[in-house]
Amino acid sequence: MDTRETKSYSLNNILGTGLLLSGALLCYLRLAAAIQHATIALPSNGSDALGLLPATGLVVARVLQDLTLSPVSVFSAFLYFLLSCWPLAVVSLGAILLRKNLFAALPPASSWNSDAPSSSGARK
């Protein structure tokens, strides 16, 4: 008798793997581009860095003013934040499609509580 496990190459497995890998690649590329942009934009010597502190304070004050005075800008900022996180949504969708294969080694949820000792400490 053959004891090897047979792997099923279903559509969920193929799509889940593709989405998971492409989402991870997109996250990496966005992070690498942000780091590259930050290293180019920020000065390398310390004397220019002190001039950035007042400018950063003014930018934060302006953003807070816009967010408090205009409710539409709060919604647009939230929408912009959600749109900037779309590669994480692709990774999550891939993980959802692969949940039976990724978490197959975990015991079922019903057996988690049966092995745990009682919290009261009293024996029955």
Protein backbone atom coordinates (compact mmCIF):
# COMPACT_ATOMS: atom_id res chain seq x y z
CA MET A 1 0.00 0.00 0.00
CA ASP A 2 1.30 3.43 -0.89
CA THR A 3 1.53 5.74 2.14
CA ARG A 4 2.38 8.91 0.24
CA GLU A 5 -0.04 11.76 0.61
CA THR A 6 -1.70 12.86 -2.57
CA LYS A 7 -1.82 16.58 -3.16
CA SER A 8 -4.85 18.02 -4.84
CA TYR A 9 -4.18 20.73 -7.34
CA SER A 10 -7.57 22.34 -7.23
CA LEU A 11 -8.47 25.76 -8.52
CA ASN A 12 -8.45 27.14 -4.95
CA ASN A 13 -4.89 25.93 -4.41
CA ILE A 14 -3.63 27.39 -7.67
CA LEU A 15 -5.41 30.75 -7.26
CA GLY A 16 -4.51 30.97 -3.57
CA THR A 17 -0.84 30.33 -4.24
CA GLY A 18 -0.78 32.83 -7.10
CA LEU A 19 -2.52 35.53 -5.08
CA LEU A 20 -0.37 34.92 -2.03
CA LEU A 21 2.90 35.12 -3.97
CA SER A 22 1.88 38.08 -6.13
CA GLY A 23 0.57 39.99 -3.09
CA ALA A 24 3.79 39.34 -1.19
CA LEU A 25 5.81 40.49 -4.20
CA LEU A 26 3.73 43.66 -4.50
CA CYS A 27 4.17 44.40 -0.79
CA TYR A 28 7.92 43.94 -1.10
CA LEU A 29 8.15 46.18 -4.18
CA ARG A 30 6.09 48.94 -2.55
CA LEU A 31 8.21 48.78 0.59
CA ALA A 32 11.44 48.84 -1.41
CA ALA A 33 10.22 51.83 -3.42
CA ALA A 34 9.23 53.69 -0.24
CA ILE A 35 12.62 53.05 1.34
CA GLN A 36 14.41 54.17 -1.81
CA HIS A 37 12.29 57.33 -1.96
CA ALA A 38 12.99 58.06 1.71
CA THR A 39 16.74 57.63 1.31
CA ILE A 40 16.78 59.99 -1.67
CA ALA A 41 14.47 62.60 -0.13
CA LEU A 42 16.05 62.77 3.31
CA PRO A 43 19.41 64.44 3.65
CA SER A 44 22.40 62.31 4.53
CA ASN A 45 24.16 64.76 6.84
CA GLY A 46 22.91 65.83 10.25
CA SER A 47 22.97 69.62 9.73
CA ASP A 48 20.09 69.53 7.26
CA ALA A 49 18.08 67.17 9.45
CA LEU A 50 17.59 69.88 12.09
CA GLY A 51 15.84 72.04 9.50
CA LEU A 52 13.34 69.25 8.84
CA LEU A 53 11.95 69.31 12.38
CA PRO A 54 10.10 72.67 12.12
CA ALA A 55 8.87 71.76 8.64
CA THR A 56 7.54 68.43 9.91
CA GLY A 57 5.73 70.19 12.75
CA LEU A 58 4.09 72.60 10.30
CA VAL A 59 3.02 69.74 8.04
CA VAL A 60 1.47 67.85 10.97
CA ALA A 61 -0.37 70.98 12.11
CA ARG A 62 -1.71 71.57 8.59
CA VAL A 63 -2.88 67.97 8.23
CA LEU A 64 -4.63 68.08 11.61
CA GLN A 65 -6.29 71.36 10.65
CA ASP A 66 -7.56 69.88 7.39
CA LEU A 67 -8.81 66.75 9.11
CA THR A 68 -10.71 68.63 11.82
CA LEU A 69 -12.26 71.34 9.67
CA SER A 70 -13.36 69.24 6.71
CA PRO A 71 -15.12 65.91 7.25
CA VAL A 72 -14.76 65.08 3.55
CA SER A 73 -10.98 65.18 3.88
CA VAL A 74 -11.16 62.66 6.74
CA PHE A 75 -13.08 60.28 4.49
CA SER A 76 -10.70 60.81 1.60
CA ALA A 77 -7.67 60.26 3.86
CA PHE A 78 -9.23 57.01 5.14
CA LEU A 79 -10.00 55.94 1.58
CA TYR A 80 -6.43 56.73 0.52
CA PHE A 81 -5.13 54.65 3.44
CA LEU A 82 -7.30 51.69 2.43
CA LEU A 83 -6.24 51.96 -1.19
CA SER A 84 -2.59 52.01 -0.22
CA CYS A 85 -3.06 48.68 1.60
CA TRP A 86 -4.46 46.76 -1.37
CA PRO A 87 -1.47 44.36 -1.68
CA LEU A 88 -2.25 43.14 1.85
CA ALA A 89 -5.81 42.43 0.72
CA VAL A 90 -4.41 40.28 -2.10
CA VAL A 91 -2.24 38.36 0.39
CA SER A 92 -5.25 37.88 2.69
CA LEU A 93 -7.40 36.60 -0.16
CA GLY A 94 -4.68 34.11 -1.11
CA ALA A 95 -4.42 32.93 2.50
CA ILE A 96 -8.20 32.49 2.66
CA LEU A 97 -8.14 30.35 -0.46
CA LEU A 98 -5.28 28.27 0.97
CA ARG A 99 -6.61 28.00 4.54
CA LYS A 100 -7.28 24.24 4.31
CA ASN A 101 -3.74 23.54 3.13
CA LEU A 102 -1.86 26.09 5.23
CA PHE A 103 -3.50 25.12 8.51
CA ALA A 104 -4.03 21.39 7.92
CA ALA A 105 -1.62 20.39 10.71
CA LEU A 106 -3.57 22.28 13.39
CA PRO A 107 -6.00 20.27 15.51
CA PRO A 108 -9.69 21.08 15.13
CA ALA A 109 -11.03 23.90 17.27
CA SER A 110 -13.23 21.56 19.31
CA SER A 111 -10.19 19.71 20.70
CA TRP A 112 -8.50 22.87 21.97
CA ASN A 113 -10.71 23.19 25.06
CA SER A 114 -10.94 19.50 25.94
CA ASP A 115 -7.25 19.15 26.87
CA ALA A 116 -7.07 22.37 28.90
CA PRO A 117 -7.10 22.07 32.70
CA SER A 118 -9.99 23.62 34.56
CA SER A 119 -9.47 27.21 35.60
CA SER A 120 -10.99 26.79 39.06
CA GLY A 121 -8.41 24.23 40.16
CA ALA A 122 -11.05 22.15 42.00
CA ARG A 123 -11.23 18.43 41.28
CA LYS A 124 -14.52 16.80 40.60
